Amino acid sequence: MIEICHTGAPLFRSGWFVESLATQALVVFAIRTRRVPFYRSRPSRPLLASAVGVVAVGVALPLSPLAEPLGFQSLPLGLLLTLALMAVLCLVLIEGAEHAFYARADARAARPPVRHRTRRHRIQRRAGRFSQPGALRPR
């Protein structure tokens, strides 16, 4: 962010703070379900409100009077849009990794277990057709 957006330390610190809060909130939505968040699996209203609230506080904090003691600087609109794009890209990457993880886990679960037959098992199988079930009757 320092090299690409040509930001100083206070602006970088503010941007990093906002971006990390936004991505952490999005990760909560991504890992709560195997489905695509917001599209196929809608979050509950309290979860959505709390996540939006956290991100709103994160964006508002560099604009507040607490910004200077915390070492923050107000973020320009271009940098806010760049941070939003980075958060969305992070969500896409998380969804891709989650999809690959579950595809691999499902493939592993679908495979039948490997059976190891012993010599004793093979002998019992061959002898089974010559044996009678139940107790032997005397002749």
C-alpha atoms as a PDB file:
ATOM      1  CA  MET A   1       0.000   0.000   0.000  1.00  0.00           C
ATOM      2  CA  ILE A   2       2.926   2.341   0.676  1.00  0.00           C
ATOM      3  CA  GLU A   3       4.473   1.725  -2.760  1.00  0.00           C
ATOM      4  CA  ILE A   4       1.295   1.479  -4.845  1.00  0.00           C
ATOM      5  CA  CYS A   5      -0.733   4.291  -3.271  1.00  0.00           C
ATOM      6  CA  HIS A   6       2.295   6.400  -2.260  1.00  0.00           C
ATOM      7  CA  THR A   7       1.093   6.845   1.306  1.00  0.00           C
ATOM      8  CA  GLY A   8       3.007   7.947   4.362  1.00  0.00           C
ATOM      9  CA  ALA A   9       3.132   6.097   7.660  1.00  0.00           C
ATOM     10  CA  PRO A  10      -0.008   7.630   9.261  1.00  0.00           C
ATOM     11  CA  LEU A  11      -2.090   7.110   6.112  1.00  0.00           C
ATOM     12  CA  PHE A  12      -0.741   3.569   5.736  1.00  0.00           C
ATOM     13  CA  ARG A  13      -1.582   2.817   9.383  1.00  0.00           C
ATOM     14  CA  SER A  14      -5.119   4.134   8.908  1.00  0.00           C
ATOM     15  CA  GLY A  15      -5.614   2.180   5.701  1.00  0.00           C
ATOM     16  CA  TRP A  16      -4.248  -1.011   7.175  1.00  0.00           C
ATOM     17  CA  PHE A  17      -6.552  -0.645  10.194  1.00  0.00           C
ATOM     18  CA  VAL A  18      -9.662  -0.148   8.065  1.00  0.00           C
ATOM     19  CA  GLU A  19      -8.741  -2.907   5.587  1.00  0.00           C
ATOM     20  CA  SER A  20      -7.984  -5.449   8.306  1.00  0.00           C
ATOM     21  CA  LEU A  21     -11.313  -4.765  10.055  1.00  0.00           C
ATOM     22  CA  ALA A  22     -13.187  -5.088   6.765  1.00  0.00           C
ATOM     23  CA  THR A  23     -11.494  -8.356   5.777  1.00  0.00           C
ATOM     24  CA  GLN A  24     -11.994  -9.856   9.236  1.00  0.00           C
ATOM     25  CA  ALA A  25     -15.691  -9.033   9.075  1.00  0.00           C
ATOM     26  CA  LEU A  26     -15.924 -10.637   5.626  1.00  0.00           C
ATOM     27  CA  VAL A  27     -14.082 -13.739   6.834  1.00  0.00           C
ATOM     28  CA  VAL A  28     -16.807 -14.222   9.451  1.00  0.00           C
ATOM     29  CA  PHE A  29     -19.359 -14.385   6.643  1.00  0.00           C
ATOM     30  CA  ALA A  30     -17.204 -16.671   4.519  1.00  0.00           C
ATOM     31  CA  ILE A  31     -16.403 -19.312   7.132  1.00  0.00           C
ATOM     32  CA  ARG A  32     -19.852 -19.540   8.712  1.00  0.00           C
ATOM     33  CA  THR A  33     -21.256 -21.603   5.825  1.00  0.00           C
ATOM     34  CA  ARG A  34     -20.183 -23.768   2.899  1.00  0.00           C
ATOM     35  CA  ARG A  35     -22.487 -21.821   0.611  1.00  0.00           C
ATOM     36  CA  VAL A  36     -21.653 -18.527  -1.037  1.00  0.00           C
ATOM     37  CA  PRO A  37     -22.294 -15.800   1.567  1.00  0.00           C
ATOM     38  CA  PHE A  38     -24.853 -13.087   0.740  1.00  0.00           C
ATOM     39  CA  TYR A  39     -25.990 -15.004  -2.358  1.00  0.00           C
ATOM     40  CA  ARG A  40     -27.040 -18.501  -1.327  1.00  0.00           C
ATOM     41  CA  SER A  41     -26.854 -18.193   2.448  1.00  0.00           C
ATOM     42  CA  ARG A  42     -28.171 -15.032   4.012  1.00  0.00           C
ATOM     43  CA  PRO A  43     -26.716 -14.031   7.374  1.00  0.00           C
ATOM     44  CA  SER A  44     -28.915 -13.221  10.332  1.00  0.00           C
ATOM     45  CA  ARG A  45     -29.755  -9.584  10.933  1.00  0.00           C
ATOM     46  CA  PRO A  46     -27.746  -9.314  14.186  1.00  0.00           C
ATOM     47  CA  LEU A  47     -24.643 -10.749  12.503  1.00  0.00           C
ATOM     48  CA  LEU A  48     -25.008  -8.447   9.527  1.00  0.00           C
ATOM     49  CA  ALA A  49     -25.631  -5.413  11.739  1.00  0.00           C
ATOM     50  CA  SER A  50     -22.650  -6.127  13.977  1.00  0.00           C
ATOM     51  CA  ALA A  51     -20.285  -6.635  11.041  1.00  0.00           C
ATOM     52  CA  VAL A  52     -21.460  -3.485   9.278  1.00  0.00           C
ATOM     53  CA  GLY A  53     -21.195  -1.611  12.575  1.00  0.00           C
ATOM     54  CA  VAL A  54     -17.615  -2.733  13.156  1.00  0.00           C
ATOM     55  CA  VAL A  55     -16.583  -1.709   9.640  1.00  0.00           C
ATOM     56  CA  ALA A  56     -18.409   1.635  10.001  1.00  0.00           C
ATOM     57  CA  VAL A  57     -16.599   2.352  13.268  1.00  0.00           C
ATOM     58  CA  GLY A  58     -13.335   1.372  11.607  1.00  0.00           C
ATOM     59  CA  VAL A  59     -13.926   3.796   8.739  1.00  0.00           C
ATOM     60  CA  ALA A  60     -15.137   6.570  11.077  1.00  0.00           C
ATOM     61  CA  LEU A  61     -12.293   6.282  13.569  1.00  0.00           C
ATOM     62  CA  PRO A  62      -9.644   7.894  11.308  1.00  0.00           C
ATOM     63  CA  LEU A  63     -12.111  10.776  10.764  1.00  0.00           C
ATOM     64  CA  SER A  64     -12.824  11.284  14.480  1.00  0.00           C
ATOM     65  CA  PRO A  65     -10.969  13.397  17.057  1.00  0.00           C
ATOM     66  CA  LEU A  66      -9.318  10.163  18.286  1.00  0.00           C
ATOM     67  CA  ALA A  67      -7.402   9.866  15.011  1.00  0.00           C
ATOM     68  CA  GLU A  68      -4.447  12.006  16.076  1.00  0.00           C
ATOM     69  CA  PRO A  69      -3.739  10.249  19.411  1.00  0.00           C
ATOM     70  CA  LEU A  70      -3.978   6.877  17.622  1.00  0.00           C
ATOM     71  CA  GLY A  71      -1.666   8.011  14.831  1.00  0.00           C
ATOM     72  CA  PHE A  72      -4.333   7.848  12.134  1.00  0.00           C
ATOM     73  CA  GLN A  73      -4.994  10.198   9.269  1.00  0.00           C
ATOM     74  CA  SER A  74      -8.255  10.680   7.355  1.00  0.00           C
ATOM     75  CA  LEU A  75      -8.448   8.469   4.287  1.00  0.00           C
ATOM     76  CA  PRO A  76      -9.004   9.991   0.846  1.00  0.00           C
ATOM     77  CA  LEU A  77     -11.859   8.570  -1.249  1.00  0.00           C
ATOM     78  CA  GLY A  78      -9.491   6.936  -3.761  1.00  0.00           C
ATOM     79  CA  LEU A  79      -7.739   5.022  -1.012  1.00  0.00           C
ATOM     80  CA  LEU A  80     -11.080   3.972   0.531  1.00  0.00           C
ATOM     81  CA  LEU A  81     -12.184   2.582  -2.830  1.00  0.00           C
ATOM     82  CA  THR A  82      -8.860   0.759  -3.197  1.00  0.00           C
ATOM     83  CA  LEU A  83      -9.296  -0.740   0.278  1.00  0.00           C
ATOM     84  CA  ALA A  84     -12.844  -1.829  -0.587  1.00  0.00           C
ATOM     85  CA  LEU A  85     -11.527  -3.516  -3.726  1.00  0.00           C
ATOM     86  CA  MET A  86      -8.818  -5.255  -1.687  1.00  0.00           C
ATOM     87  CA  ALA A  87     -11.427  -6.520   0.798  1.00  0.00           C
ATOM     88  CA  VAL A  88     -13.627  -7.887  -2.007  1.00  0.00           C
ATOM     89  CA  LEU A  89     -10.594  -9.546  -3.609  1.00  0.00           C
ATOM     90  CA  CYS A  90      -9.752 -11.082  -0.241  1.00  0.00           C
ATOM     91  CA  LEU A  91     -13.295 -12.455   0.018  1.00  0.00           C
ATOM     92  CA  VAL A  92     -13.027 -13.985  -3.462  1.00  0.00           C
ATOM     93  CA  LEU A  93      -9.716 -15.646  -2.545  1.00  0.00           C
ATOM     94  CA  ILE A  94     -11.156 -16.962   0.721  1.00  0.00           C
ATOM     95  CA  GLU A  95     -14.162 -18.403  -1.103  1.00  0.00           C
ATOM     96  CA  GLY A  96     -11.867 -20.075  -3.641  1.00  0.00           C
ATOM     97  CA  ALA A  97      -9.737 -21.609  -0.893  1.00  0.00           C
ATOM     98  CA  GLU A  98     -12.845 -22.740   0.995  1.00  0.00           C
ATOM     99  CA  HIS A  99     -14.271 -24.333  -2.160  1.00  0.00           C
ATOM    100  CA  ALA A 100     -10.990 -26.179  -2.830  1.00  0.00           C
ATOM    101  CA  PHE A 101     -10.819 -27.337   0.789  1.00  0.00           C
ATOM    102  CA  TYR A 102     -14.347 -28.748   0.815  1.00  0.00           C
ATOM    103  CA  ALA A 103     -13.946 -30.325  -2.625  1.00  0.00           C
ATOM    104  CA  ARG A 104     -10.849 -32.143  -1.418  1.00  0.00           C
ATOM    105  CA  ALA A 105     -12.528 -33.174   1.853  1.00  0.00           C
ATOM    106  CA  ASP A 106     -15.623 -34.422   0.007  1.00  0.00           C
ATOM    107  CA  ALA A 107     -13.503 -36.409  -2.453  1.00  0.00           C
ATOM    108  CA  ARG A 108     -11.597 -37.984   0.421  1.00  0.00           C
ATOM    109  CA  ALA A 109     -14.836 -38.897   2.222  1.00  0.00           C
ATOM    110  CA  ALA A 110     -16.383 -40.396  -0.936  1.00  0.00           C
ATOM    111  CA  ARG A 111     -13.530 -42.849  -1.476  1.00  0.00           C
ATOM    112  CA  PRO A 112     -14.288 -46.339  -0.173  1.00  0.00           C
ATOM    113  CA  PRO A 113     -11.981 -47.482   2.606  1.00  0.00           C
ATOM    114  CA  VAL A 114      -9.082 -49.702   1.602  1.00  0.00           C
ATOM    115  CA  ARG A 115      -9.669 -53.256   2.778  1.00  0.00           C
ATOM    116  CA  HIS A 116      -6.783 -55.427   3.867  1.00  0.00           C
ATOM    117  CA  ARG A 117      -7.772 -59.089   3.821  1.00  0.00           C
ATOM    118  CA  THR A 118      -5.704 -61.492   5.882  1.00  0.00           C
ATOM    119  CA  ARG A 119      -4.788 -65.074   5.002  1.00  0.00           C
ATOM    120  CA  ARG A 120      -7.197 -66.370   7.648  1.00  0.00           C
ATOM    121  CA  HIS A 121     -10.085 -64.433   6.060  1.00  0.00           C
ATOM    122  CA  ARG A 122      -9.358 -65.944   2.625  1.00  0.00           C
ATOM    123  CA  ILE A 123      -9.264 -69.485   4.047  1.00  0.00           C
ATOM    124  CA  GLN A 124     -12.567 -68.994   5.873  1.00  0.00           C
ATOM    125  CA  ARG A 125     -14.189 -67.681   2.683  1.00  0.00           C
ATOM    126  CA  ARG A 126     -13.078 -70.727   0.683  1.00  0.00           C
ATOM    127  CA  ALA A 127     -14.087 -73.173   3.401  1.00  0.00           C
ATOM    128  CA  GLY A 128     -17.467 -71.499   3.866  1.00  0.00           C
ATOM    129  CA  ARG A 129     -19.105 -73.224   0.911  1.00  0.00           C
ATOM    130  CA  PHE A 130     -18.203 -76.646   2.351  1.00  0.00           C
ATOM    131  CA  SER A 131     -19.517 -75.833   5.851  1.00  0.00           C
ATOM    132  CA  GLN A 132     -23.066 -75.976   7.127  1.00  0.00           C
ATOM    133  CA  PRO A 133     -24.554 -73.222   9.239  1.00  0.00           C
ATOM    134  CA  GLY A 134     -25.562 -74.200  12.757  1.00  0.00           C
ATOM    135  CA  ALA A 135     -24.612 -77.237  14.808  1.00  0.00           C
ATOM    136  CA  LEU A 136     -23.702 -80.517  13.138  1.00  0.00           C
ATOM    137  CA  ARG A 137     -26.234 -83.347  13.477  1.00  0.00           C
ATOM    138  CA  PRO A 138     -24.966 -86.825  14.253  1.00  0.00           C
ATOM    139  CA  ARG A 139     -25.655 -89.496  11.615  1.00  0.00           C
END
